[in-house]
Each structure stands twice: as C-alpha cells, then as structure tokens.
Amino acid sequence: MIIVLGIVCNATSNEWIWADGSPVDYRPPGFSGHLNQPCTPNGEWYYNRRDANTIHEGYWYHYTGEATVNYDIHCVTELKKSLRFMRMTA
C-alpha cells in the first residue's frame, strides 16, 4: 500500500514543506536523503508500508520520474442533512 505524502516544494526557499505551508519538522527513522536537499518542483513523496515488495517499513520515498502515476483516492466524510430532505413532523 502506498500513501502519497503532502510534501511539496517551496519554490521561493527551495525547501520541502507540507502542503499547508508548515515546515517538515518530523522525519521518520527511514527517509530518502532528498528531504535534506534543495527541493525540485516535479518531485513527490510517498510512504510505503511493509509488504512483500518493500524493503523498508515506514520509509519515505522520493520520486522524480517522468512517468505518469495514477492514484485512487478514497475519502470518508460526514454529510450534513439538508432541510429539503428532512421529514417534518407536527
């Protein structure tokens, strides 16, 4: 299982930051050395949990390839009821 991490390149400072603008002040026990180098705008980060094809459990990988990568994104949310669909009782 691969999880895309929200780490992006700050083009002004050339540092990796979280997508919300905060610094990447946590580093797991295993991560690509690219995290300590000036960032590249086309790079992306992902976490790969251990499975049969993974060498490092919990390792943060860096990818800068030219290939297109497709992801399935699944979200869970709680929707608020619309008044229009609520049954009114007297």
C-alpha atoms as a PDB file:
ATOM      1  CA  MET A   1       0.000   0.000   0.000  1.00  0.00           C
ATOM      2  CA  ILE A   2       1.346   3.413  -0.988  1.00  0.00           C
ATOM      3  CA  ILE A   3       0.258   6.633   0.687  1.00  0.00           C
ATOM      4  CA  VAL A   4       1.080   9.919  -1.047  1.00  0.00           C
ATOM      5  CA  LEU A   5       2.524  12.414   1.435  1.00  0.00           C
ATOM      6  CA  GLY A   6       1.534  16.084   1.258  1.00  0.00           C
ATOM      7  CA  ILE A   7       5.106  17.327   0.924  1.00  0.00           C
ATOM      8  CA  VAL A   8       5.618  19.985  -1.743  1.00  0.00           C
ATOM      9  CA  CYS A   9       8.427  22.204  -2.979  1.00  0.00           C
ATOM     10  CA  ASN A  10       8.529  25.820  -1.780  1.00  0.00           C
ATOM     11  CA  ALA A  11       9.947  27.428  -4.929  1.00  0.00           C
ATOM     12  CA  THR A  12      10.969  30.592  -3.023  1.00  0.00           C
ATOM     13  CA  SER A  13      13.086  28.909  -0.335  1.00  0.00           C
ATOM     14  CA  ASN A  14      13.854  25.677  -2.254  1.00  0.00           C
ATOM     15  CA  GLU A  15      12.845  23.713   0.852  1.00  0.00           C
ATOM     16  CA  TRP A  16      10.396  20.856   1.218  1.00  0.00           C
ATOM     17  CA  ILE A  17       7.283  21.872   3.169  1.00  0.00           C
ATOM     18  CA  TRP A  18       3.897  20.347   3.993  1.00  0.00           C
ATOM     19  CA  ALA A  19       1.107  21.336   1.597  1.00  0.00           C
ATOM     20  CA  ASP A  20      -0.405  23.575   4.309  1.00  0.00           C
ATOM     21  CA  GLY A  21       2.808  25.659   4.343  1.00  0.00           C
ATOM     22  CA  SER A  22       4.264  24.328   7.592  1.00  0.00           C
ATOM     23  CA  PRO A  23       7.860  23.074   7.754  1.00  0.00           C
ATOM     24  CA  VAL A  24       8.645  19.362   7.564  1.00  0.00           C
ATOM     25  CA  ASP A  25       9.893  19.188  11.147  1.00  0.00           C
ATOM     26  CA  TYR A  26       9.377  15.436  11.536  1.00  0.00           C
ATOM     27  CA  ARG A  27      11.434  12.799   9.838  1.00  0.00           C
ATOM     28  CA  PRO A  28      10.792   9.080  10.262  1.00  0.00           C
ATOM     29  CA  PRO A  29      13.641   6.693  11.095  1.00  0.00           C
ATOM     30  CA  GLY A  30      13.979   5.950   7.364  1.00  0.00           C
ATOM     31  CA  PHE A  31      13.634   8.509   4.557  1.00  0.00           C
ATOM     32  CA  SER A  32      15.219   9.445   1.273  1.00  0.00           C
ATOM     33  CA  GLY A  33      18.158  11.852   1.573  1.00  0.00           C
ATOM     34  CA  HIS A  34      16.376  14.153  -0.884  1.00  0.00           C
ATOM     35  CA  LEU A  35      14.425  15.513   2.089  1.00  0.00           C
ATOM     36  CA  ASN A  36      17.607  17.260   3.292  1.00  0.00           C
ATOM     37  CA  GLN A  37      18.480  18.669  -0.141  1.00  0.00           C
ATOM     38  CA  PRO A  38      17.062  21.635  -2.088  1.00  0.00           C
ATOM     39  CA  CYS A  39      13.678  20.635  -3.476  1.00  0.00           C
ATOM     40  CA  THR A  40      12.637  20.016  -7.064  1.00  0.00           C
ATOM     41  CA  PRO A  41       9.200  21.149  -8.235  1.00  0.00           C
ATOM     42  CA  ASN A  42       8.403  17.874 -10.003  1.00  0.00           C
ATOM     43  CA  GLY A  43       9.236  15.614  -7.054  1.00  0.00           C
ATOM     44  CA  GLU A  44       6.662  13.839  -4.961  1.00  0.00           C
ATOM     45  CA  TRP A  45       6.850  11.915  -1.721  1.00  0.00           C
ATOM     46  CA  TYR A  46       5.135   8.726  -0.677  1.00  0.00           C
ATOM     47  CA  TYR A  47       5.087   6.285   2.196  1.00  0.00           C
ATOM     48  CA  ASN A  48       5.150   2.572   1.515  1.00  0.00           C
ATOM     49  CA  ARG A  49       4.092   0.289   4.324  1.00  0.00           C
ATOM     50  CA  ARG A  50       5.871  -3.029   4.514  1.00  0.00           C
ATOM     51  CA  ASP A  51       4.642  -5.726   2.198  1.00  0.00           C
ATOM     52  CA  ALA A  52       6.242  -8.467   0.123  1.00  0.00           C
ATOM     53  CA  ASN A  53       7.848  -5.936  -2.245  1.00  0.00           C
ATOM     54  CA  THR A  54       9.036  -3.350   0.297  1.00  0.00           C
ATOM     55  CA  ILE A  55      12.496  -3.353   1.816  1.00  0.00           C
ATOM     56  CA  HIS A  56      11.979  -0.685   4.483  1.00  0.00           C
ATOM     57  CA  GLU A  57       8.897  -0.478   6.678  1.00  0.00           C
ATOM     58  CA  GLY A  58       7.607   3.079   7.025  1.00  0.00           C
ATOM     59  CA  TYR A  59      10.209   4.530   4.672  1.00  0.00           C
ATOM     60  CA  TRP A  60       9.505   7.864   2.951  1.00  0.00           C
ATOM     61  CA  TYR A  61      10.397   7.605  -0.734  1.00  0.00           C
ATOM     62  CA  HIS A  62      11.039  10.403  -3.215  1.00  0.00           C
ATOM     63  CA  TYR A  63      10.014  10.107  -6.868  1.00  0.00           C
ATOM     64  CA  THR A  64      11.060  12.417  -9.718  1.00  0.00           C
ATOM     65  CA  GLY A  65      10.412  10.194 -12.727  1.00  0.00           C
ATOM     66  CA  GLU A  66       8.811  11.249 -15.957  1.00  0.00           C
ATOM     67  CA  ALA A  67       6.174   8.516 -15.887  1.00  0.00           C
ATOM     68  CA  THR A  68       2.580   9.363 -15.056  1.00  0.00           C
ATOM     69  CA  VAL A  69       1.484   7.911 -11.740  1.00  0.00           C
ATOM     70  CA  ASN A  70      -2.207   7.277 -11.109  1.00  0.00           C
ATOM     71  CA  TYR A  71      -3.673   7.092  -7.608  1.00  0.00           C
ATOM     72  CA  ASP A  72      -7.041   6.013  -6.274  1.00  0.00           C
ATOM     73  CA  ILE A  73      -8.076   8.444  -3.564  1.00  0.00           C
ATOM     74  CA  HIS A  74     -10.688   7.447  -1.006  1.00  0.00           C
ATOM     75  CA  CYS A  75     -12.189   9.887   1.486  1.00  0.00           C
ATOM     76  CA  VAL A  76     -14.577   9.489   4.386  1.00  0.00           C
ATOM     77  CA  THR A  77     -16.755  12.378   5.466  1.00  0.00           C
ATOM     78  CA  GLU A  78     -19.947  13.011   7.360  1.00  0.00           C
ATOM     79  CA  LEU A  79     -22.522  14.862   5.301  1.00  0.00           C
ATOM     80  CA  LYS A  80     -24.955  17.235   6.955  1.00  0.00           C
ATOM     81  CA  LYS A  81     -28.620  16.636   6.262  1.00  0.00           C
ATOM     82  CA  SER A  82     -30.261  19.150   4.019  1.00  0.00           C
ATOM     83  CA  LEU A  83     -33.508  20.662   5.291  1.00  0.00           C
ATOM     84  CA  ARG A  84     -35.050  19.801   1.979  1.00  0.00           C
ATOM     85  CA  PHE A  85     -34.665  16.082   2.646  1.00  0.00           C
ATOM     86  CA  MET A  86     -35.639  16.077   6.308  1.00  0.00           C
ATOM     87  CA  ARG A  87     -39.121  14.831   7.112  1.00  0.00           C
ATOM     88  CA  MET A  88     -41.080  17.440   9.034  1.00  0.00           C
ATOM     89  CA  THR A  89     -43.285  16.148  11.846  1.00  0.00           C
ATOM     90  CA  ALA A  90     -46.017  18.067  13.625  1.00  0.00           C
END
